[in-house]
Amino acid sequence: MRKNILQIIAVFKKELKSEIRSKIGISTILLFVMTTITMIVFTTAGLKLQEGVIAGLLWIIMFFTAMISISRSFVSEEERGTGLLLQLISSSSSVFLGKLLFNICLSFITSIAILLMFFIFNDNVKIRTPEIFWLSMILGSLGISSCTTIISAIISKSSSKSALFPILSFPILLPVIMIGVNSTKLGLEGWEFSRSVEDFNIMFGYIGILTTVSFFLFDYVWKD
């Protein structure tokens, strides 16, 4: 047990050091987020956006940012030729959990960056029920990370990685996105928390099933 925990931490540290060393991924993410939000601000200047539209825009940005940031989770291992080394020194479960942990952290950071930039440029947008809004963002980040981690492993050996990643990710993430948009809208409109409990239960259950299935399937995906 202790050995597996140490391996998970080691994989997480490796991902973190690689991201900091390259700096390309972080710069690309921030540039994409800033460009997208700036275009939205200029396009909607002078217009009062409805809460449903705002929620949809936020989730669209989150989805496509994840397609850029998390897609290289396992692809980079194949490109650098370090995938075989990971298989030799770490168990499959440790690799999956270590990369999942890193992707969750990365997803949280990018979501915070998206929200900060969005609300800075759109100061007229108000969060009327913060607990609904923030919980939907947290669960959304978890769902996106769980899905994209296993999809990244599946496409890592494919010749058309960039095209396959969003194509495979979107159908799996669609339930999370639909429920997330609805709960985010409720948080912006100021509904009571009880109104969104059912949505959160479905979202939490779906993420739990997705993560569990991904964990058990990863060994076959990673080694075949």
C-alpha atoms as a PDB file:
ATOM      1  CA  MET A   1       0.000   0.000   0.000  1.00  0.00           C
ATOM      2  CA  ARG A   2       2.745   2.418   1.018  1.00  0.00           C
ATOM      3  CA  LYS A   3       4.716   1.518  -2.119  1.00  0.00           C
ATOM      4  CA  ASN A   4       1.712   2.321  -4.336  1.00  0.00           C
ATOM      5  CA  ILE A   5       1.214   5.680  -2.609  1.00  0.00           C
ATOM      6  CA  LEU A   6       4.872   6.559  -3.149  1.00  0.00           C
ATOM      7  CA  GLN A   7       4.578   5.591  -6.825  1.00  0.00           C
ATOM      8  CA  ILE A   8       1.470   7.741  -7.241  1.00  0.00           C
ATOM      9  CA  ILE A   9       3.273  10.709  -5.680  1.00  0.00           C
ATOM     10  CA  ALA A  10       6.318  10.055  -7.895  1.00  0.00           C
ATOM     11  CA  VAL A  11       4.180  10.040 -11.070  1.00  0.00           C
ATOM     12  CA  PHE A  12       2.439  13.230  -9.930  1.00  0.00           C
ATOM     13  CA  LYS A  13       5.793  14.955  -9.279  1.00  0.00           C
ATOM     14  CA  LYS A  14       7.087  13.831 -12.667  1.00  0.00           C
ATOM     15  CA  GLU A  15       4.060  15.353 -14.405  1.00  0.00           C
ATOM     16  CA  LEU A  16       4.409  18.572 -12.419  1.00  0.00           C
ATOM     17  CA  LYS A  17       8.132  18.928 -13.154  1.00  0.00           C
ATOM     18  CA  SER A  18       7.596  18.188 -16.855  1.00  0.00           C
ATOM     19  CA  GLU A  19       4.874  20.843 -17.069  1.00  0.00           C
ATOM     20  CA  ILE A  20       6.974  23.450 -15.254  1.00  0.00           C
ATOM     21  CA  ARG A  21      10.090  22.619 -17.287  1.00  0.00           C
ATOM     22  CA  SER A  22       8.405  22.863 -20.673  1.00  0.00           C
ATOM     23  CA  LYS A  23       6.215  25.911 -19.895  1.00  0.00           C
ATOM     24  CA  ILE A  24       4.668  25.492 -23.355  1.00  0.00           C
ATOM     25  CA  GLY A  25       1.509  23.823 -22.045  1.00  0.00           C
ATOM     26  CA  ILE A  26       0.765  26.497 -19.438  1.00  0.00           C
ATOM     27  CA  SER A  27       1.453  29.320 -21.907  1.00  0.00           C
ATOM     28  CA  THR A  28      -0.787  27.704 -24.536  1.00  0.00           C
ATOM     29  CA  ILE A  29      -3.633  27.255 -22.037  1.00  0.00           C
ATOM     30  CA  LEU A  30      -3.472  30.837 -20.767  1.00  0.00           C
ATOM     31  CA  LEU A  31      -3.227  32.234 -24.292  1.00  0.00           C
ATOM     32  CA  PHE A  32      -6.228  30.183 -25.430  1.00  0.00           C
ATOM     33  CA  VAL A  33      -8.330  31.225 -22.422  1.00  0.00           C
ATOM     34  CA  MET A  34      -7.408  34.897 -22.770  1.00  0.00           C
ATOM     35  CA  THR A  35      -8.037  34.930 -26.532  1.00  0.00           C
ATOM     36  CA  THR A  36     -11.394  33.141 -26.223  1.00  0.00           C
ATOM     37  CA  ILE A  37     -12.693  35.359 -23.416  1.00  0.00           C
ATOM     38  CA  THR A  38     -11.487  38.527 -25.186  1.00  0.00           C
ATOM     39  CA  MET A  39     -13.356  37.498 -28.342  1.00  0.00           C
ATOM     40  CA  ILE A  40     -16.508  36.834 -26.311  1.00  0.00           C
ATOM     41  CA  VAL A  41     -16.234  40.227 -24.593  1.00  0.00           C
ATOM     42  CA  PHE A  42     -15.842  42.110 -27.880  1.00  0.00           C
ATOM     43  CA  THR A  43     -18.611  40.112 -29.563  1.00  0.00           C
ATOM     44  CA  THR A  44     -21.116  40.649 -26.740  1.00  0.00           C
ATOM     45  CA  ALA A  45     -20.164  44.253 -25.913  1.00  0.00           C
ATOM     46  CA  GLY A  46     -23.236  46.236 -24.880  1.00  0.00           C
ATOM     47  CA  LEU A  47     -25.419  43.134 -24.625  1.00  0.00           C
ATOM     48  CA  LYS A  48     -26.930  41.762 -21.424  1.00  0.00           C
ATOM     49  CA  LEU A  49     -26.250  38.052 -21.448  1.00  0.00           C
ATOM     50  CA  GLN A  50     -28.792  35.692 -19.953  1.00  0.00           C
ATOM     51  CA  GLU A  51     -27.615  33.349 -17.186  1.00  0.00           C
ATOM     52  CA  GLY A  52     -28.112  30.296 -19.405  1.00  0.00           C
ATOM     53  CA  VAL A  53     -25.901  31.794 -22.108  1.00  0.00           C
ATOM     54  CA  ILE A  54     -23.189  32.659 -19.561  1.00  0.00           C
ATOM     55  CA  ALA A  55     -23.257  29.123 -18.153  1.00  0.00           C
ATOM     56  CA  GLY A  56     -23.013  27.656 -21.661  1.00  0.00           C
ATOM     57  CA  LEU A  57     -20.075  29.898 -22.566  1.00  0.00           C
ATOM     58  CA  LEU A  58     -18.187  28.968 -19.390  1.00  0.00           C
ATOM     59  CA  TRP A  59     -18.585  25.242 -20.037  1.00  0.00           C
ATOM     60  CA  ILE A  60     -17.615  25.579 -23.690  1.00  0.00           C
ATOM     61  CA  ILE A  61     -14.386  27.308 -22.642  1.00  0.00           C
ATOM     62  CA  MET A  62     -13.749  24.671 -19.962  1.00  0.00           C
ATOM     63  CA  PHE A  63     -14.282  21.808 -22.415  1.00  0.00           C
ATOM     64  CA  PHE A  64     -11.990  23.105 -25.143  1.00  0.00           C
ATOM     65  CA  THR A  65      -9.349  24.190 -22.629  1.00  0.00           C
ATOM     66  CA  ALA A  66      -9.308  20.602 -21.337  1.00  0.00           C
ATOM     67  CA  MET A  67      -8.892  19.359 -24.906  1.00  0.00           C
ATOM     68  CA  ILE A  68      -5.683  21.398 -25.087  1.00  0.00           C
ATOM     69  CA  SER A  69      -4.312  20.941 -21.585  1.00  0.00           C
ATOM     70  CA  ILE A  70      -5.073  17.321 -20.655  1.00  0.00           C
ATOM     71  CA  SER A  71      -4.907  15.695 -24.086  1.00  0.00           C
ATOM     72  CA  ARG A  72      -1.129  15.272 -23.859  1.00  0.00           C
ATOM     73  CA  SER A  73      -1.232  13.375 -20.564  1.00  0.00           C
ATOM     74  CA  PHE A  74      -0.223  10.048 -22.154  1.00  0.00           C
ATOM     75  CA  VAL A  75       0.557  11.287 -25.654  1.00  0.00           C
ATOM     76  CA  SER A  76       3.713  12.978 -24.348  1.00  0.00           C
ATOM     77  CA  GLU A  77       4.918   9.643 -22.911  1.00  0.00           C
ATOM     78  CA  GLU A  78       4.727   8.025 -26.351  1.00  0.00           C
ATOM     79  CA  GLU A  79       6.412  10.983 -28.044  1.00  0.00           C
ATOM     80  CA  ARG A  80       9.303  11.017 -25.550  1.00  0.00           C
ATOM     81  CA  GLY A  81       9.549   7.230 -25.417  1.00  0.00           C
ATOM     82  CA  THR A  82       9.092   7.125 -21.644  1.00  0.00           C
ATOM     83  CA  GLY A  83       5.941   5.000 -21.629  1.00  0.00           C
ATOM     84  CA  LEU A  84       7.849   1.707 -21.437  1.00  0.00           C
ATOM     85  CA  LEU A  85       9.954   3.023 -18.540  1.00  0.00           C
ATOM     86  CA  LEU A  86       6.803   3.910 -16.604  1.00  0.00           C
ATOM     87  CA  GLN A  87       5.446   0.412 -17.189  1.00  0.00           C
ATOM     88  CA  LEU A  88       8.644  -1.096 -15.801  1.00  0.00           C
ATOM     89  CA  ILE A  89       9.026   1.001 -12.649  1.00  0.00           C
ATOM     90  CA  SER A  90       5.388   1.635 -11.677  1.00  0.00           C
ATOM     91  CA  SER A  91       2.177  -0.348 -11.487  1.00  0.00           C
ATOM     92  CA  SER A  92      -0.638   0.543 -13.870  1.00  0.00           C
ATOM     93  CA  SER A  93      -2.870   1.696 -11.024  1.00  0.00           C
ATOM     94  CA  SER A  94      -0.157   4.043  -9.718  1.00  0.00           C
ATOM     95  CA  VAL A  95       0.380   5.561 -13.168  1.00  0.00           C
ATOM     96  CA  PHE A  96      -3.344   6.103 -13.668  1.00  0.00           C
ATOM     97  CA  LEU A  97      -3.945   7.611 -10.221  1.00  0.00           C
ATOM     98  CA  GLY A  98      -0.830   9.777 -10.391  1.00  0.00           C
ATOM     99  CA  LYS A  99      -1.782  11.220 -13.765  1.00  0.00           C
ATOM    100  CA  LEU A 100      -5.426  11.555 -12.711  1.00  0.00           C
ATOM    101  CA  LEU A 101      -4.366  13.507  -9.613  1.00  0.00           C
ATOM    102  CA  PHE A 102      -2.225  15.829 -11.724  1.00  0.00           C
ATOM    103  CA  ASN A 103      -4.997  16.300 -14.295  1.00  0.00           C
ATOM    104  CA  ILE A 104      -7.478  17.154 -11.537  1.00  0.00           C
ATOM    105  CA  CYS A 105      -5.107  19.802 -10.176  1.00  0.00           C
ATOM    106  CA  LEU A 106      -4.484  21.149 -13.677  1.00  0.00           C
ATOM    107  CA  SER A 107      -8.221  21.212 -14.377  1.00  0.00           C
ATOM    108  CA  PHE A 108      -8.903  23.115 -11.144  1.00  0.00           C
ATOM    109  CA  ILE A 109      -6.190  25.669 -11.943  1.00  0.00           C
ATOM    110  CA  THR A 110      -7.439  26.237 -15.482  1.00  0.00           C
ATOM    111  CA  SER A 111     -11.048  26.523 -14.263  1.00  0.00           C
ATOM    112  CA  ILE A 112     -10.026  29.171 -11.725  1.00  0.00           C
ATOM    113  CA  ALA A 113      -8.108  31.041 -14.431  1.00  0.00           C
ATOM    114  CA  ILE A 114     -11.138  30.885 -16.748  1.00  0.00           C
ATOM    115  CA  LEU A 115     -13.511  32.184 -14.063  1.00  0.00           C
ATOM    116  CA  LEU A 116     -11.169  34.951 -12.932  1.00  0.00           C
ATOM    117  CA  MET A 117     -10.642  36.245 -16.463  1.00  0.00           C
ATOM    118  CA  PHE A 118     -14.308  35.867 -17.358  1.00  0.00           C
ATOM    119  CA  PHE A 119     -15.572  37.796 -14.330  1.00  0.00           C
ATOM    120  CA  ILE A 120     -12.870  40.460 -14.627  1.00  0.00           C
ATOM    121  CA  PHE A 121     -13.932  41.236 -18.199  1.00  0.00           C
ATOM    122  CA  ASN A 122     -17.659  40.789 -17.395  1.00  0.00           C
ATOM    123  CA  ASP A 123     -18.093  42.653 -14.112  1.00  0.00           C
ATOM    124  CA  ASN A 124     -21.873  42.756 -14.517  1.00  0.00           C
ATOM    125  CA  VAL A 125     -22.183  38.972 -14.047  1.00  0.00           C
ATOM    126  CA  LYS A 126     -23.287  38.038 -10.506  1.00  0.00           C
ATOM    127  CA  ILE A 127     -23.150  34.680  -8.709  1.00  0.00           C
ATOM    128  CA  ARG A 128     -26.347  34.671  -6.658  1.00  0.00           C
ATOM    129  CA  THR A 129     -26.026  31.185  -5.135  1.00  0.00           C
ATOM    130  CA  PRO A 130     -22.270  30.571  -4.696  1.00  0.00           C
ATOM    131  CA  GLU A 131     -22.583  27.046  -3.257  1.00  0.00           C
ATOM    132  CA  ILE A 132     -24.419  25.798  -6.368  1.00  0.00           C
ATOM    133  CA  PHE A 133     -22.095  27.601  -8.749  1.00  0.00           C
ATOM    134  CA  TRP A 134     -18.808  26.499  -7.184  1.00  0.00           C
ATOM    135  CA  LEU A 135     -19.911  22.915  -6.587  1.00  0.00           C
ATOM    136  CA  SER A 136     -20.889  22.602 -10.240  1.00  0.00           C
ATOM    137  CA  MET A 137     -17.440  23.914 -11.223  1.00  0.00           C
ATOM    138  CA  ILE A 138     -15.668  21.468  -8.862  1.00  0.00           C
ATOM    139  CA  LEU A 139     -17.657  18.465 -10.053  1.00  0.00           C
ATOM    140  CA  GLY A 140     -17.198  19.607 -13.647  1.00  0.00           C
ATOM    141  CA  SER A 141     -13.416  19.700 -13.227  1.00  0.00           C
ATOM    142  CA  LEU A 142     -13.467  16.223 -11.667  1.00  0.00           C
ATOM    143  CA  GLY A 143     -15.623  14.831 -14.471  1.00  0.00           C
ATOM    144  CA  ILE A 144     -13.499  16.357 -17.216  1.00  0.00           C
ATOM    145  CA  SER A 145     -10.294  15.049 -15.606  1.00  0.00           C
ATOM    146  CA  SER A 146     -11.658  11.518 -15.137  1.00  0.00           C
ATOM    147  CA  CYS A 147     -12.836  11.274 -18.723  1.00  0.00           C
ATOM    148  CA  THR A 148      -9.870  12.873 -20.464  1.00  0.00           C
ATOM    149  CA  THR A 149      -7.273  10.868 -18.531  1.00  0.00           C
ATOM    150  CA  ILE A 150      -8.478   7.505 -19.854  1.00  0.00           C
ATOM    151  CA  ILE A 151      -9.206   8.919 -23.326  1.00  0.00           C
ATOM    152  CA  SER A 152      -5.655  10.282 -23.491  1.00  0.00           C
ATOM    153  CA  ALA A 153      -4.346   6.784 -22.726  1.00  0.00           C
ATOM    154  CA  ILE A 154      -6.572   5.238 -25.419  1.00  0.00           C
ATOM    155  CA  ILE A 155      -5.464   7.613 -28.196  1.00  0.00           C
ATOM    156  CA  SER A 156      -1.790   7.823 -27.204  1.00  0.00           C
ATOM    157  CA  LYS A 157      -0.774   5.159 -29.732  1.00  0.00           C
ATOM    158  CA  SER A 158      -3.020   6.466 -32.500  1.00  0.00           C
ATOM    159  CA  SER A 159      -1.680   8.316 -35.540  1.00  0.00           C
ATOM    160  CA  SER A 160      -4.438  10.996 -35.443  1.00  0.00           C
ATOM    161  CA  LYS A 161      -4.364  11.958 -31.762  1.00  0.00           C
ATOM    162  CA  SER A 162      -5.520  15.575 -32.037  1.00  0.00           C
ATOM    163  CA  ALA A 163      -8.643  14.678 -34.006  1.00  0.00           C
ATOM    164  CA  LEU A 164      -9.627  11.657 -31.934  1.00  0.00           C
ATOM    165  CA  PHE A 165      -9.376  13.254 -28.497  1.00  0.00           C
ATOM    166  CA  PRO A 166     -12.363  15.662 -28.679  1.00  0.00           C
ATOM    167  CA  ILE A 167     -14.369  13.185 -30.777  1.00  0.00           C
ATOM    168  CA  LEU A 168     -14.098  10.465 -28.118  1.00  0.00           C
ATOM    169  CA  SER A 169     -14.292  12.807 -25.128  1.00  0.00           C
ATOM    170  CA  PHE A 170     -17.423  14.762 -26.044  1.00  0.00           C
ATOM    171  CA  PRO A 171     -19.984  11.895 -26.026  1.00  0.00           C
ATOM    172  CA  ILE A 172     -18.688  10.639 -22.673  1.00  0.00           C
ATOM    173  CA  LEU A 173     -18.619  14.124 -21.160  1.00  0.00           C
ATOM    174  CA  LEU A 174     -22.004  15.162 -22.571  1.00  0.00           C
ATOM    175  CA  PRO A 175     -24.022  14.166 -19.431  1.00  0.00           C
ATOM    176  CA  VAL A 176     -21.556  16.060 -17.204  1.00  0.00           C
ATOM    177  CA  ILE A 177     -21.682  19.109 -19.465  1.00  0.00           C
ATOM    178  CA  MET A 178     -25.492  19.168 -19.712  1.00  0.00           C
ATOM    179  CA  ILE A 179     -26.007  18.837 -15.959  1.00  0.00           C
ATOM    180  CA  GLY A 180     -23.126  21.231 -15.282  1.00  0.00           C
ATOM    181  CA  VAL A 181     -24.572  23.936 -17.520  1.00  0.00           C
ATOM    182  CA  ASN A 182     -27.956  23.594 -15.844  1.00  0.00           C
ATOM    183  CA  SER A 183     -26.566  23.734 -12.279  1.00  0.00           C
ATOM    184  CA  THR A 184     -24.272  26.654 -13.157  1.00  0.00           C
ATOM    185  CA  LYS A 185     -27.299  28.486 -14.552  1.00  0.00           C
ATOM    186  CA  LEU A 186     -29.194  27.851 -11.302  1.00  0.00           C
ATOM    187  CA  GLY A 187     -26.274  29.259  -9.322  1.00  0.00           C
ATOM    188  CA  LEU A 188     -26.223  32.418 -11.426  1.00  0.00           C
ATOM    189  CA  GLU A 189     -29.992  32.847 -11.213  1.00  0.00           C
ATOM    190  CA  GLY A 190     -30.070  32.501  -7.420  1.00  0.00           C
ATOM    191  CA  TRP A 191     -32.076  29.313  -6.874  1.00  0.00           C
ATOM    192  CA  GLU A 192     -32.004  27.519  -3.530  1.00  0.00           C
ATOM    193  CA  PHE A 193     -29.455  24.737  -3.108  1.00  0.00           C
ATOM    194  CA  SER A 194     -32.182  22.090  -2.727  1.00  0.00           C
ATOM    195  CA  ARG A 195     -33.198  22.759  -6.333  1.00  0.00           C
ATOM    196  CA  SER A 196     -29.862  21.384  -7.612  1.00  0.00           C
ATOM    197  CA  VAL A 197     -29.349  18.431  -5.236  1.00  0.00           C
ATOM    198  CA  GLU A 198     -30.705  15.913  -7.743  1.00  0.00           C
ATOM    199  CA  ASP A 199     -28.421  17.252 -10.478  1.00  0.00           C
ATOM    200  CA  PHE A 200     -25.393  16.979  -8.207  1.00  0.00           C
ATOM    201  CA  ASN A 201     -26.291  13.431  -7.158  1.00  0.00           C
ATOM    202  CA  ILE A 202     -26.510  12.345 -10.801  1.00  0.00           C
ATOM    203  CA  MET A 203     -23.293  14.165 -11.644  1.00  0.00           C
ATOM    204  CA  PHE A 204     -21.422  12.692  -8.681  1.00  0.00           C
ATOM    205  CA  GLY A 205     -22.659   9.173  -9.442  1.00  0.00           C
ATOM    206  CA  TYR A 206     -21.730   9.427 -13.114  1.00  0.00           C
ATOM    207  CA  ILE A 207     -18.228  10.673 -12.274  1.00  0.00           C
ATOM    208  CA  GLY A 208     -17.804   7.875  -9.719  1.00  0.00           C
ATOM    209  CA  ILE A 209     -18.806   5.199 -12.235  1.00  0.00           C
ATOM    210  CA  LEU A 210     -16.622   6.765 -14.950  1.00  0.00           C
ATOM    211  CA  THR A 211     -13.570   6.903 -12.675  1.00  0.00           C
ATOM    212  CA  THR A 212     -14.073   3.354 -11.397  1.00  0.00           C
ATOM    213  CA  VAL A 213     -14.513   1.866 -14.882  1.00  0.00           C
ATOM    214  CA  SER A 214     -11.487   3.828 -16.149  1.00  0.00           C
ATOM    215  CA  PHE A 215      -9.379   2.548 -13.255  1.00  0.00           C
ATOM    216  CA  PHE A 216     -10.145  -1.107 -13.974  1.00  0.00           C
ATOM    217  CA  LEU A 217      -9.805  -0.754 -17.753  1.00  0.00           C
ATOM    218  CA  PHE A 218      -6.583   1.228 -17.651  1.00  0.00           C
ATOM    219  CA  ASP A 219      -4.302  -1.803 -17.272  1.00  0.00           C
ATOM    220  CA  TYR A 220      -5.554  -3.244 -20.588  1.00  0.00           C
ATOM    221  CA  VAL A 221      -5.391   0.117 -22.364  1.00  0.00           C
ATOM    222  CA  TRP A 222      -1.934   0.982 -21.038  1.00  0.00           C
ATOM    223  CA  LYS A 223      -0.188  -2.311 -21.819  1.00  0.00           C
ATOM    224  CA  ASP A 224      -1.884  -3.374 -25.078  1.00  0.00           C
END
